Each structure stands twice: as structure tokens, then as C-alpha cells.
Amino acid sequence: MTQEERIEKGELLPVMEEFYSLQGEGYNTGRAAYFIRIGGCDVGCHFCDVKEAWDASILAPTNIDDIVERALTYPAKSVIITGGEPLLYNLNLLCTKFKEKGIETILETSGSSKMSGQWDWVCISAKRNLPPLEENMKYANELKMIICEEKDFAFAEEYASKVNINNCLLYLQPEWSVRNKMMHRIVEYIKLNPKWRISLQSHKYMQIP
């Protein structure tokens, strides 16, 4: 089997980095987890703080068995799969192997590519550049919308209308570079629209990965 076939099957993934830390954003803020950042992204947000993850061609494909074994060496039995855009790849086999080991699986995605994998929690962060597939919205346990400017509130409401409101938490998160400008606006918006909660990038305040 060629390397390309193994990537297509999900046996190999272009992993940019793996690390053990605390989740800094959204519903799982403060929880310890093993992070797996998969390279490759076709969304290309201007405010992305890991642009080095966009080009998967510069990353050596990693055997998923090795990923699982490394994750098992840490106390927290949760993994967070992020990117880049992880749904560019087939994540079924990776999730199956984690499930066999009793590991909780959490996905951070824009939702712009076909869903794969078995997830305990799915966080979708819709982006204007490449919006989520309609079919993916039903999987969202968490909708995390990044607020850079005033028009982003209307975009956030558009996608809030597409999730199952009974099973999905709604978060507004200020984009880091304009946090001081947008924080008060988000607070006032949530006070008027209490279905939303605020998400902050607490890992940046704490200066941890």
C-alpha cells in the first residue's frame, strides 16, 4: 500500500504537533487533554495563530498507532483533535483506536469538510472563508464563533439557527488581536441574547501551549 493510500485510509496523518496541556477555550476550558494538531487547512483565516499548520506537504505522515501510544502515557484520558482542519482526513480509524483504549475524543473543526470519526464532543467554529457543511451542523455539541467585528454577530446568529439548540452550547469568542475592542461589545450582546456564553482564550492569558 502506498503512503497516499495509507493517508486516505487514515493509517497515517500529517501531524504538526502533539502536546499535553489544558484546553483554553469553550466548554472544556480548564480540562487537561492530549492535543493532536493535524496539518493542512483550506479555510485560511486571517487571524489564525497557527498558520504554520496550513501546509501539510511539509509534514511527515505519522503512524496513528504511535499517536495513540503517546497519548496513553499521560494521565488525562481525553484527546483533542485540532488543526489546521482535521476533517480534511479520514479520522475513523484514529477514533476507533482511541475508543478501544477508553479515551474520550474531542474534535475542534470549522465543519467545512465531510465528517468522519466517532466523537464524544464536537466543537464547530464556523468561518466565513469556507462555511460548514449543512450536514455537519447536527453533530455540533458546541458552536464557537470568533468575533472580529460587528458583522460577525449576524454571522454567529445565522449558524446558531442551524444547530440543535437543545443539544448545542453557543459561545462568542473575541479574536485575540481585537479582544480589548470587542470584549465589552460581546458582554453587552450576551446580556441581551443570553442563549450565548462567552469563551476566552485562557491559555493565552496563562501563557501555556
N, C-alpha and C. Protein backbone atom coordinates (compact mmCIF):
# COMPACT_ATOMS: atom_id res chain seq x y z
N MET A 1 0.85 -1.19 0.00
CA MET A 1 0.00 0.00 0.00
C MET A 1 0.89 1.25 0.00
N THR A 2 0.58 2.20 -0.83
CA THR A 2 1.39 3.41 -0.93
C THR A 2 1.11 4.32 0.27
N GLN A 3 1.99 5.28 0.46
CA GLN A 3 1.80 6.25 1.55
C GLN A 3 0.51 7.02 1.35
N GLU A 4 0.21 7.40 0.11
CA GLU A 4 -1.01 8.14 -0.18
C GLU A 4 -2.25 7.32 0.17
N GLU A 5 -2.19 6.02 -0.12
CA GLU A 5 -3.32 5.13 0.20
C GLU A 5 -3.49 4.99 1.70
N ARG A 6 -2.38 4.94 2.42
CA ARG A 6 -2.45 4.83 3.88
C ARG A 6 -3.00 6.11 4.50
N ILE A 7 -2.67 7.27 3.93
CA ILE A 7 -3.23 8.53 4.40
C ILE A 7 -4.73 8.56 4.12
N GLU A 8 -5.13 8.14 2.94
CA GLU A 8 -6.55 8.12 2.58
C GLU A 8 -7.34 7.20 3.50
N LYS A 9 -6.73 6.10 3.89
CA LYS A 9 -7.38 5.14 4.78
C LYS A 9 -7.39 5.64 6.23
N GLY A 10 -6.50 6.56 6.55
CA GLY A 10 -6.42 7.09 7.91
C GLY A 10 -5.39 6.41 8.78
N GLU A 11 -4.52 5.60 8.18
CA GLU A 11 -3.47 4.94 8.95
C GLU A 11 -2.32 5.89 9.25
N LEU A 12 -2.13 6.88 8.38
CA LEU A 12 -1.11 7.91 8.54
C LEU A 12 -1.79 9.27 8.50
N LEU A 13 -1.29 10.20 9.31
CA LEU A 13 -1.82 11.56 9.33
C LEU A 13 -0.67 12.55 9.40
N PRO A 14 -0.79 13.70 8.71
CA PRO A 14 0.28 14.70 8.76
C PRO A 14 0.18 15.55 10.03
N VAL A 15 0.73 15.02 11.09
CA VAL A 15 0.64 15.69 12.39
C VAL A 15 1.70 16.79 12.50
N MET A 16 1.26 17.98 12.85
CA MET A 16 2.19 19.09 13.05
C MET A 16 2.81 19.05 14.44
N GLU A 17 1.96 18.78 15.45
CA GLU A 17 2.48 18.73 16.81
C GLU A 17 1.52 17.95 17.70
N GLU A 18 2.06 17.44 18.78
CA GLU A 18 1.30 16.79 19.84
C GLU A 18 1.82 17.34 21.16
N PHE A 19 0.91 17.62 22.08
CA PHE A 19 1.35 18.13 23.38
C PHE A 19 0.26 17.91 24.42
N TYR A 20 0.67 17.92 25.67
CA TYR A 20 -0.24 17.72 26.79
C TYR A 20 -0.42 19.06 27.48
N SER A 21 -1.67 19.51 27.63
CA SER A 21 -1.90 20.82 28.22
C SER A 21 -3.33 20.90 28.74
N LEU A 22 -3.79 22.13 28.98
CA LEU A 22 -5.17 22.38 29.36
C LEU A 22 -5.90 23.02 28.19
N GLN A 23 -7.13 22.61 27.99
CA GLN A 23 -7.95 23.29 26.98
C GLN A 23 -8.21 24.71 27.45
N GLY A 24 -8.02 25.66 26.55
CA GLY A 24 -8.14 27.06 26.94
C GLY A 24 -9.42 27.73 26.52
N GLU A 25 -10.25 27.08 25.69
CA GLU A 25 -11.39 27.75 25.08
C GLU A 25 -12.66 26.92 25.23
N GLY A 26 -13.78 27.61 25.19
CA GLY A 26 -15.07 26.94 25.07
C GLY A 26 -15.47 26.10 26.27
N TYR A 27 -16.33 25.13 26.01
CA TYR A 27 -16.95 24.32 27.06
C TYR A 27 -15.93 23.58 27.91
N ASN A 28 -14.88 23.07 27.29
CA ASN A 28 -13.91 22.24 28.01
C ASN A 28 -12.76 23.03 28.62
N THR A 29 -12.90 24.34 28.72
CA THR A 29 -11.86 25.17 29.32
C THR A 29 -11.42 24.64 30.67
N GLY A 30 -10.11 24.56 30.85
CA GLY A 30 -9.55 24.13 32.13
C GLY A 30 -9.27 22.65 32.25
N ARG A 31 -9.75 21.86 31.29
CA ARG A 31 -9.55 20.41 31.35
C ARG A 31 -8.22 20.02 30.73
N ALA A 32 -7.54 19.09 31.39
CA ALA A 32 -6.31 18.54 30.83
C ALA A 32 -6.65 17.59 29.69
N ALA A 33 -5.85 17.63 28.63
CA ALA A 33 -6.08 16.76 27.48
C ALA A 33 -4.78 16.66 26.67
N TYR A 34 -4.73 15.63 25.86
CA TYR A 34 -3.62 15.46 24.91
C TYR A 34 -4.08 16.03 23.58
N PHE A 35 -3.34 17.03 23.10
CA PHE A 35 -3.70 17.72 21.87
C PHE A 35 -2.95 17.13 20.68
N ILE A 36 -3.67 16.92 19.59
CA ILE A 36 -3.09 16.43 18.35
C ILE A 36 -3.47 17.41 17.26
N ARG A 37 -2.48 18.14 16.76
CA ARG A 37 -2.73 19.16 15.74
C ARG A 37 -2.35 18.59 14.38
N ILE A 38 -3.36 18.39 13.54
CA ILE A 38 -3.15 17.81 12.21
C ILE A 38 -2.95 18.94 11.20
N GLY A 39 -1.94 18.80 10.36
CA GLY A 39 -1.61 19.82 9.37
C GLY A 39 -2.51 19.77 8.15
N GLY A 40 -2.59 20.90 7.48
CA GLY A 40 -3.43 21.02 6.30
C GLY A 40 -4.67 21.83 6.61
N CYS A 41 -4.90 22.89 5.85
CA CYS A 41 -6.10 23.70 6.05
C CYS A 41 -6.46 24.39 4.75
N ASP A 42 -7.75 24.34 4.39
CA ASP A 42 -8.23 25.02 3.20
C ASP A 42 -9.16 26.18 3.55
N VAL A 43 -9.18 26.55 4.84
CA VAL A 43 -10.04 27.65 5.29
C VAL A 43 -9.27 28.97 5.27
N GLY A 44 -8.09 28.97 5.88
CA GLY A 44 -7.19 30.12 5.77
C GLY A 44 -7.66 31.40 6.43
N CYS A 45 -8.04 31.33 7.70
CA CYS A 45 -8.50 32.53 8.41
C CYS A 45 -7.34 33.51 8.62
N HIS A 46 -7.61 34.78 8.38
CA HIS A 46 -6.55 35.78 8.51
C HIS A 46 -6.03 35.89 9.94
N PHE A 47 -6.89 35.55 10.93
CA PHE A 47 -6.49 35.68 12.32
C PHE A 47 -5.91 34.38 12.91
N CYS A 48 -5.73 33.37 12.09
CA CYS A 48 -5.22 32.09 12.58
C CYS A 48 -3.86 32.28 13.26
N ASP A 49 -3.70 31.66 14.45
CA ASP A 49 -2.43 31.80 15.16
C ASP A 49 -1.53 30.58 14.96
N VAL A 50 -1.92 29.68 14.06
CA VAL A 50 -1.05 28.54 13.73
C VAL A 50 -1.02 28.37 12.20
N LYS A 51 -0.69 29.44 11.51
CA LYS A 51 -0.62 29.38 10.05
C LYS A 51 0.40 28.36 9.56
N GLU A 52 1.37 28.03 10.40
CA GLU A 52 2.36 27.02 10.03
C GLU A 52 1.74 25.64 9.89
N ALA A 53 0.49 25.48 10.34
CA ALA A 53 -0.20 24.20 10.20
C ALA A 53 -0.92 24.07 8.87
N TRP A 54 -0.94 25.11 8.06
CA TRP A 54 -1.74 25.09 6.83
C TRP A 54 -1.21 24.14 5.77
N ASP A 55 0.11 24.04 5.65
CA ASP A 55 0.72 23.28 4.55
C ASP A 55 1.11 21.88 5.02
N ALA A 56 0.26 20.90 4.70
CA ALA A 56 0.52 19.53 5.12
C ALA A 56 1.68 18.90 4.37
N SER A 57 2.03 19.43 3.21
CA SER A 57 3.07 18.81 2.39
C SER A 57 4.45 18.87 3.04
N ILE A 58 4.63 19.76 4.01
CA ILE A 58 5.94 19.87 4.66
C ILE A 58 6.03 18.99 5.91
N LEU A 59 4.94 18.26 6.20
CA LEU A 59 4.89 17.44 7.41
C LEU A 59 5.03 15.96 7.06
N ALA A 60 5.83 15.26 7.84
CA ALA A 60 6.00 13.82 7.63
C ALA A 60 4.76 13.09 8.15
N PRO A 61 4.14 12.24 7.35
CA PRO A 61 2.99 11.47 7.83
C PRO A 61 3.34 10.62 9.04
N THR A 62 2.46 10.63 10.04
CA THR A 62 2.69 9.94 11.30
C THR A 62 1.77 8.74 11.43
N ASN A 63 2.32 7.62 11.88
CA ASN A 63 1.53 6.42 12.10
C ASN A 63 0.58 6.63 13.28
N ILE A 64 -0.70 6.37 13.09
CA ILE A 64 -1.66 6.65 14.15
C ILE A 64 -1.46 5.76 15.37
N ASP A 65 -0.88 4.56 15.20
CA ASP A 65 -0.59 3.73 16.36
C ASP A 65 0.40 4.42 17.29
N ASP A 66 1.34 5.13 16.71
CA ASP A 66 2.32 5.88 17.51
C ASP A 66 1.65 7.03 18.23
N ILE A 67 0.69 7.69 17.56
CA ILE A 67 -0.05 8.78 18.19
C ILE A 67 -0.80 8.28 19.42
N VAL A 68 -1.48 7.16 19.25
CA VAL A 68 -2.28 6.60 20.35
C VAL A 68 -1.38 6.21 21.52
N GLU A 69 -0.26 5.57 21.23
CA GLU A 69 0.65 5.15 22.30
C GLU A 69 1.18 6.34 23.08
N ARG A 70 1.50 7.42 22.40
CA ARG A 70 1.99 8.61 23.11
C ARG A 70 0.90 9.21 23.98
N ALA A 71 -0.32 9.26 23.46
CA ALA A 71 -1.43 9.82 24.24
C ALA A 71 -1.67 9.03 25.52
N LEU A 72 -1.48 7.73 25.46
CA LEU A 72 -1.73 6.87 26.61
C LEU A 72 -0.74 7.06 27.75
N THR A 73 0.35 7.74 27.49
CA THR A 73 1.36 7.93 28.53
C THR A 73 1.00 9.06 29.49
N TYR A 74 -0.09 9.80 29.19
CA TYR A 74 -0.45 10.94 30.02
C TYR A 74 -1.67 10.63 30.89
N PRO A 75 -1.79 11.27 32.06
CA PRO A 75 -2.86 10.92 33.00
C PRO A 75 -4.28 11.17 32.48
N ALA A 76 -4.50 12.29 31.78
CA ALA A 76 -5.86 12.60 31.31
C ALA A 76 -6.22 11.70 30.14
N LYS A 77 -7.35 11.08 30.21
CA LYS A 77 -7.76 10.15 29.17
C LYS A 77 -8.72 10.83 28.19
N SER A 78 -8.29 11.98 27.71
CA SER A 78 -9.02 12.74 26.70
C SER A 78 -8.04 13.24 25.65
N VAL A 79 -8.46 13.21 24.39
CA VAL A 79 -7.65 13.78 23.32
C VAL A 79 -8.48 14.83 22.60
N ILE A 80 -7.81 15.90 22.18
CA ILE A 80 -8.44 16.94 21.39
C ILE A 80 -7.76 16.97 20.03
N ILE A 81 -8.54 16.68 19.00
CA ILE A 81 -8.03 16.68 17.63
C ILE A 81 -8.33 18.04 17.02
N THR A 82 -7.29 18.74 16.59
CA THR A 82 -7.44 20.09 16.08
C THR A 82 -6.56 20.27 14.86
N GLY A 83 -6.43 21.50 14.37
CA GLY A 83 -5.63 21.70 13.17
C GLY A 83 -5.06 23.10 13.10
N GLY A 84 -4.83 23.55 11.87
CA GLY A 84 -5.32 23.04 10.59
C GLY A 84 -6.82 22.76 10.60
N GLU A 85 -7.21 21.97 9.63
CA GLU A 85 -8.58 21.47 9.54
C GLU A 85 -8.54 19.96 9.53
N PRO A 86 -8.79 19.32 10.69
CA PRO A 86 -8.65 17.86 10.80
C PRO A 86 -9.60 17.06 9.92
N LEU A 87 -10.75 17.63 9.56
CA LEU A 87 -11.70 16.86 8.76
C LEU A 87 -11.31 16.75 7.29
N LEU A 88 -10.16 17.29 6.94
CA LEU A 88 -9.63 17.02 5.60
C LEU A 88 -9.19 15.57 5.47
N TYR A 89 -9.14 14.86 6.59
CA TYR A 89 -8.64 13.48 6.61
C TYR A 89 -9.68 12.53 7.18
N ASN A 90 -9.49 11.26 6.89
CA ASN A 90 -10.34 10.20 7.41
C ASN A 90 -9.91 9.90 8.85
N LEU A 91 -10.74 10.24 9.80
CA LEU A 91 -10.39 10.08 11.21
C LEU A 91 -11.08 8.89 11.87
N ASN A 92 -11.72 8.05 11.06
CA ASN A 92 -12.44 6.90 11.61
C ASN A 92 -11.53 5.94 12.36
N LEU A 93 -10.43 5.58 11.76
CA LEU A 93 -9.54 4.59 12.37
C LEU A 93 -8.87 5.14 13.62
N LEU A 94 -8.46 6.38 13.58
CA LEU A 94 -7.84 7.00 14.75
C LEU A 94 -8.80 6.98 15.93
N CYS A 95 -10.05 7.39 15.71
CA CYS A 95 -11.03 7.39 16.79
C CYS A 95 -11.33 5.99 17.29
N THR A 96 -11.40 5.04 16.38
CA THR A 96 -11.65 3.64 16.79
C THR A 96 -10.57 3.16 17.73
N LYS A 97 -9.33 3.47 17.41
CA LYS A 97 -8.22 3.03 18.25
C LYS A 97 -8.24 3.72 19.61
N PHE A 98 -8.62 5.00 19.64
CA PHE A 98 -8.74 5.68 20.93
C PHE A 98 -9.89 5.09 21.74
N LYS A 99 -11.00 4.80 21.08
CA LYS A 99 -12.14 4.23 21.78
C LYS A 99 -11.80 2.86 22.38
N GLU A 100 -11.02 2.09 21.66
CA GLU A 100 -10.60 0.77 22.17
C GLU A 100 -9.79 0.89 23.45
N LYS A 101 -9.15 2.03 23.63
CA LYS A 101 -8.33 2.27 24.82
C LYS A 101 -9.07 3.08 25.89
N GLY A 102 -10.34 3.35 25.66
CA GLY A 102 -11.13 4.07 26.64
C GLY A 102 -10.83 5.55 26.70
N ILE A 103 -10.38 6.13 25.59
CA ILE A 103 -10.02 7.54 25.54
C ILE A 103 -11.17 8.37 24.98
N GLU A 104 -11.50 9.45 25.65
CA GLU A 104 -12.52 10.39 25.18
C GLU A 104 -11.98 11.16 23.99
N THR A 105 -12.82 11.34 22.96
CA THR A 105 -12.38 12.03 21.75
C THR A 105 -13.16 13.33 21.57
N ILE A 106 -12.42 14.42 21.35
CA ILE A 106 -12.99 15.76 21.20
C ILE A 106 -12.46 16.35 19.90
N LEU A 107 -13.35 16.90 19.09
CA LEU A 107 -12.98 17.46 17.79
C LEU A 107 -13.17 18.97 17.78
N GLU A 108 -12.14 19.68 17.30
CA GLU A 108 -12.22 21.12 17.03
C GLU A 108 -12.14 21.29 15.51
N THR A 109 -13.18 21.84 14.90
CA THR A 109 -13.25 21.89 13.44
C THR A 109 -14.04 23.09 12.96
N SER A 110 -13.77 23.50 11.73
CA SER A 110 -14.62 24.50 11.08
C SER A 110 -15.88 23.86 10.52
N GLY A 111 -15.87 22.53 10.41
CA GLY A 111 -17.02 21.81 9.86
C GLY A 111 -17.15 21.90 8.35
N SER A 112 -16.09 22.37 7.68
CA SER A 112 -16.20 22.65 6.24
C SER A 112 -15.94 21.42 5.36
N SER A 113 -15.52 20.32 5.97
CA SER A 113 -15.30 19.07 5.22
C SER A 113 -16.15 17.96 5.80
N LYS A 114 -16.27 16.88 5.06
CA LYS A 114 -17.12 15.76 5.46
C LYS A 114 -16.72 15.21 6.82
N MET A 115 -17.71 14.94 7.66
CA MET A 115 -17.46 14.41 8.99
C MET A 115 -16.95 12.98 8.93
N SER A 116 -15.97 12.69 9.77
CA SER A 116 -15.52 11.31 9.99
C SER A 116 -15.11 11.21 11.44
N GLY A 117 -15.00 9.98 11.94
CA GLY A 117 -14.62 9.76 13.33
C GLY A 117 -15.81 9.56 14.25
N GLN A 118 -15.50 9.08 15.46
CA GLN A 118 -16.51 8.86 16.50
C GLN A 118 -16.16 9.79 17.64
N TRP A 119 -17.06 10.72 17.95
CA TRP A 119 -16.70 11.83 18.85
C TRP A 119 -17.60 11.89 20.07
N ASP A 120 -16.97 12.15 21.22
CA ASP A 120 -17.72 12.42 22.44
C ASP A 120 -18.15 13.88 22.50
N TRP A 121 -17.40 14.73 21.82
CA TRP A 121 -17.73 16.16 21.82
C TRP A 121 -17.23 16.77 20.52
N VAL A 122 -18.08 17.54 19.87
CA VAL A 122 -17.70 18.22 18.63
C VAL A 122 -17.91 19.71 18.80
N CYS A 123 -16.83 20.47 18.61
CA CYS A 123 -16.90 21.91 18.61
C CYS A 123 -16.73 22.40 17.17
N ILE A 124 -17.76 23.07 16.65
CA ILE A 124 -17.68 23.65 15.31
C ILE A 124 -17.51 25.15 15.44
N SER A 125 -16.50 25.67 14.75
CA SER A 125 -16.26 27.10 14.70
C SER A 125 -16.40 27.54 13.25
N ALA A 126 -17.58 28.04 12.92
CA ALA A 126 -17.90 28.40 11.53
C ALA A 126 -17.08 29.60 11.08
N LYS A 127 -16.57 29.54 9.85
CA LYS A 127 -15.76 30.62 9.30
C LYS A 127 -16.36 31.10 7.98
N ARG A 128 -16.28 32.41 7.75
CA ARG A 128 -16.80 32.99 6.52
C ARG A 128 -16.07 32.46 5.28
N ASN A 129 -14.75 32.29 5.40
CA ASN A 129 -13.94 31.88 4.25
C ASN A 129 -14.45 30.60 3.60
N LEU A 130 -14.84 29.64 4.45
CA LEU A 130 -15.32 28.35 3.97
C LEU A 130 -16.30 27.82 5.01
N PRO A 131 -17.58 28.15 4.88
CA PRO A 131 -18.57 27.81 5.91
C PRO A 131 -18.75 26.30 6.09
N PRO A 132 -19.30 25.91 7.23
CA PRO A 132 -19.55 24.48 7.49
C PRO A 132 -20.52 23.87 6.49
N LEU A 133 -20.37 22.58 6.26
CA LEU A 133 -21.37 21.84 5.50
C LEU A 133 -22.64 21.77 6.34
N GLU A 134 -23.77 21.97 5.69
CA GLU A 134 -25.05 21.92 6.40
C GLU A 134 -25.22 20.61 7.16
N GLU A 135 -24.76 19.53 6.54
CA GLU A 135 -24.95 18.20 7.15
C GLU A 135 -24.16 18.03 8.43
N ASN A 136 -23.13 18.86 8.63
CA ASN A 136 -22.30 18.73 9.82
C ASN A 136 -22.88 19.42 11.04
N MET A 137 -23.81 20.33 10.85
CA MET A 137 -24.29 21.12 11.97
C MET A 137 -25.00 20.27 13.02
N LYS A 138 -25.56 19.16 12.60
CA LYS A 138 -26.28 18.31 13.56
C LYS A 138 -25.34 17.63 14.54
N TYR A 139 -24.05 17.59 14.22
CA TYR A 139 -23.09 16.95 15.11
C TYR A 139 -22.57 17.88 16.20
N ALA A 140 -22.85 19.17 16.09
CA ALA A 140 -22.24 20.16 16.99
C ALA A 140 -22.78 20.05 18.41
N ASN A 141 -21.90 19.82 19.36
CA ASN A 141 -22.23 19.95 20.78
C ASN A 141 -21.94 21.37 21.26
N GLU A 142 -21.11 22.05 20.47
CA GLU A 142 -20.66 23.39 20.82
C GLU A 142 -20.45 24.17 19.52
N LEU A 143 -21.01 25.38 19.47
CA LEU A 143 -20.77 26.29 18.36
C LEU A 143 -19.98 27.46 18.92
N LYS A 144 -18.75 27.62 18.44
CA LYS A 144 -17.85 28.67 18.96
C LYS A 144 -17.56 29.64 17.83
N MET A 145 -18.10 30.83 17.94
CA MET A 145 -17.99 31.83 16.88
C MET A 145 -16.98 32.90 17.27
N ILE A 146 -16.04 33.15 16.38
CA ILE A 146 -15.00 34.14 16.62
C ILE A 146 -15.51 35.51 16.17
N ILE A 147 -15.40 36.48 17.07
CA ILE A 147 -15.91 37.83 16.81
C ILE A 147 -14.74 38.79 16.60
N CYS A 148 -14.63 39.26 15.36
CA CYS A 148 -13.59 40.23 15.00
C CYS A 148 -14.17 41.63 14.83
N GLU A 149 -15.41 41.69 14.34
CA GLU A 149 -16.04 42.96 14.04
C GLU A 149 -17.55 42.82 14.17
N GLU A 150 -18.24 43.93 14.06
CA GLU A 150 -19.67 43.97 14.35
C GLU A 150 -20.48 42.99 13.50
N LYS A 151 -20.15 42.85 12.23
CA LYS A 151 -20.94 41.99 11.35
C LYS A 151 -20.84 40.51 11.72
N ASP A 152 -19.88 40.16 12.55
CA ASP A 152 -19.73 38.76 12.95
C ASP A 152 -20.86 38.28 13.85
N PHE A 153 -21.55 39.21 14.51
CA PHE A 153 -22.69 38.80 15.35
C PHE A 153 -23.81 38.22 14.48
N ALA A 154 -24.08 38.83 13.34
CA ALA A 154 -25.12 38.32 12.45
C ALA A 154 -24.72 36.97 11.88
N PHE A 155 -23.43 36.80 11.56
CA PHE A 155 -22.94 35.51 11.07
C PHE A 155 -23.09 34.45 12.14
N ALA A 156 -22.80 34.81 13.39
CA ALA A 156 -22.96 33.87 14.50
C ALA A 156 -24.42 33.45 14.65
N GLU A 157 -25.34 34.38 14.53
CA GLU A 157 -26.76 34.04 14.66
C GLU A 157 -27.22 33.14 13.52
N GLU A 158 -26.68 33.37 12.33
CA GLU A 158 -27.02 32.51 11.20
C GLU A 158 -26.72 31.06 11.49
N TYR A 159 -25.56 30.80 12.07
CA TYR A 159 -25.18 29.41 12.34
C TYR A 159 -25.78 28.88 13.63
N ALA A 160 -26.13 29.75 14.56
CA ALA A 160 -26.85 29.30 15.74
C ALA A 160 -28.22 28.73 15.34
N SER A 161 -28.78 29.23 14.26
CA SER A 161 -30.08 28.75 13.79
C SER A 161 -29.99 27.39 13.12
N LYS A 162 -28.78 26.91 12.87
CA LYS A 162 -28.60 25.66 12.14
C LYS A 162 -28.27 24.47 13.05
N VAL A 163 -27.98 24.74 14.33
CA VAL A 163 -27.65 23.65 15.24
C VAL A 163 -28.90 23.22 16.01
N ASN A 164 -28.79 22.08 16.69
CA ASN A 164 -29.86 21.64 17.58
C ASN A 164 -29.71 22.40 18.89
N ILE A 165 -30.52 23.42 19.07
CA ILE A 165 -30.34 24.33 20.20
C ILE A 165 -30.49 23.62 21.54
N ASN A 166 -31.14 22.47 21.57
CA ASN A 166 -31.32 21.73 22.82
C ASN A 166 -30.08 20.92 23.20
N ASN A 167 -29.19 20.70 22.24
CA ASN A 167 -28.01 19.87 22.49
C ASN A 167 -26.70 20.56 22.15
N CYS A 168 -26.75 21.86 21.89
CA CYS A 168 -25.55 22.57 21.46
C CYS A 168 -25.39 23.86 22.25
N LEU A 169 -24.23 24.02 22.88
CA LEU A 169 -23.92 25.24 23.60
C LEU A 169 -23.37 26.28 22.62
N LEU A 170 -23.70 27.54 22.86
CA LEU A 170 -23.33 28.62 21.96
C LEU A 170 -22.33 29.55 22.63
N TYR A 171 -21.20 29.79 21.95
CA TYR A 171 -20.14 30.63 22.50
C TYR A 171 -19.75 31.72 21.51
N LEU A 172 -19.50 32.92 22.05
CA LEU A 172 -18.89 34.01 21.31
C LEU A 172 -17.50 34.24 21.89
N GLN A 173 -16.52 34.27 21.02
CA GLN A 173 -15.13 34.42 21.48
C GLN A 173 -14.46 35.58 20.76
N PRO A 174 -13.92 36.55 21.50
CA PRO A 174 -13.24 37.65 20.83
C PRO A 174 -11.96 37.18 20.16
N GLU A 175 -11.74 37.62 18.93
CA GLU A 175 -10.47 37.34 18.27
C GLU A 175 -9.37 38.05 19.05
N TRP A 176 -8.28 37.34 19.29
CA TRP A 176 -7.28 37.77 20.26
C TRP A 176 -6.76 39.17 19.99
N SER A 177 -6.47 39.49 18.75
CA SER A 177 -5.83 40.77 18.45
C SER A 177 -6.76 41.97 18.66
N VAL A 178 -8.08 41.71 18.73
CA VAL A 178 -9.03 42.81 18.95
C VAL A 178 -9.84 42.58 20.23
N ARG A 179 -9.31 41.77 21.13
CA ARG A 179 -10.06 41.41 22.32
C ARG A 179 -10.44 42.64 23.16
N ASN A 180 -9.54 43.59 23.30
CA ASN A 180 -9.85 44.77 24.11
C ASN A 180 -10.93 45.62 23.47
N LYS A 181 -10.99 45.60 22.16
CA LYS A 181 -12.01 46.37 21.44
C LYS A 181 -13.36 45.68 21.49
N MET A 182 -13.38 44.35 21.34
CA MET A 182 -14.64 43.62 21.18
C MET A 182 -15.20 43.04 22.48
N MET A 183 -14.39 42.96 23.54
CA MET A 183 -14.83 42.29 24.76
C MET A 183 -16.11 42.91 25.32
N HIS A 184 -16.11 44.22 25.49
CA HIS A 184 -17.29 44.89 26.06
C HIS A 184 -18.50 44.70 25.15
N ARG A 185 -18.28 44.75 23.85
CA ARG A 185 -19.39 44.58 22.91
C ARG A 185 -19.99 43.18 23.03
N ILE A 186 -19.14 42.18 23.18
CA ILE A 186 -19.62 40.80 23.34
C ILE A 186 -20.39 40.65 24.65
N VAL A 187 -19.88 41.22 25.72
CA VAL A 187 -20.56 41.15 27.01
C VAL A 187 -21.96 41.74 26.90
N GLU A 188 -22.06 42.91 26.30
CA GLU A 188 -23.37 43.56 26.16
C GLU A 188 -24.29 42.75 25.25
N TYR A 189 -23.74 42.15 24.21
CA TYR A 189 -24.55 41.34 23.30
C TYR A 189 -25.12 40.12 24.03
N ILE A 190 -24.30 39.48 24.84
CA ILE A 190 -24.77 38.29 25.55
C ILE A 190 -25.81 38.65 26.61
N LYS A 191 -25.65 39.79 27.23
CA LYS A 191 -26.66 40.24 28.20
C LYS A 191 -28.02 40.40 27.54
N LEU A 192 -28.02 40.82 26.28
CA LEU A 192 -29.26 40.96 25.53
C LEU A 192 -29.71 39.67 24.88
N ASN A 193 -28.77 38.74 24.67
CA ASN A 193 -29.05 37.46 23.99
C ASN A 193 -28.46 36.32 24.82
N PRO A 194 -29.10 35.98 25.95
CA PRO A 194 -28.49 35.08 26.93
C PRO A 194 -28.39 33.61 26.52
N LYS A 195 -28.81 33.28 25.32
CA LYS A 195 -28.56 31.92 24.84
C LYS A 195 -27.06 31.71 24.60
N TRP A 196 -26.32 32.81 24.41
CA TRP A 196 -24.88 32.76 24.18
C TRP A 196 -24.11 32.79 25.50
N ARG A 197 -22.89 32.22 25.46
CA ARG A 197 -21.92 32.36 26.54
C ARG A 197 -20.65 32.95 25.95
N ILE A 198 -19.77 33.44 26.81
CA ILE A 198 -18.51 33.98 26.31
C ILE A 198 -17.42 32.93 26.47
N SER A 199 -16.55 32.85 25.49
CA SER A 199 -15.37 32.00 25.53
C SER A 199 -14.14 32.89 25.40
N LEU A 200 -13.18 32.69 26.28
CA LEU A 200 -11.93 33.44 26.23
C LEU A 200 -10.77 32.48 26.00
N GLN A 201 -9.73 32.95 25.36
CA GLN A 201 -8.54 32.12 25.13
C GLN A 201 -7.67 32.15 26.39
N SER A 202 -8.13 31.42 27.39
CA SER A 202 -7.48 31.49 28.70
C SER A 202 -6.04 30.98 28.67
N HIS A 203 -5.73 30.08 27.73
CA HIS A 203 -4.35 29.57 27.63
C HIS A 203 -3.39 30.69 27.25
N LYS A 204 -3.88 31.69 26.50
CA LYS A 204 -3.02 32.81 26.15
C LYS A 204 -2.81 33.73 27.35
N TYR A 205 -3.85 33.94 28.14
CA TYR A 205 -3.69 34.72 29.35
C TYR A 205 -2.71 34.04 30.31
N MET A 206 -2.79 32.70 30.37
CA MET A 206 -1.92 31.93 31.27
C MET A 206 -0.54 31.65 30.69
N GLN A 207 -0.40 31.95 29.39
CA GLN A 207 0.87 31.74 28.68
C GLN A 207 1.30 30.26 28.73
N ILE A 208 0.34 29.39 28.38
CA ILE A 208 0.63 27.97 28.24
C ILE A 208 0.28 27.55 26.82
N PRO A 209 0.82 26.45 26.32
CA PRO A 209 0.52 26.00 24.96
C PRO A 209 -0.96 25.74 24.75
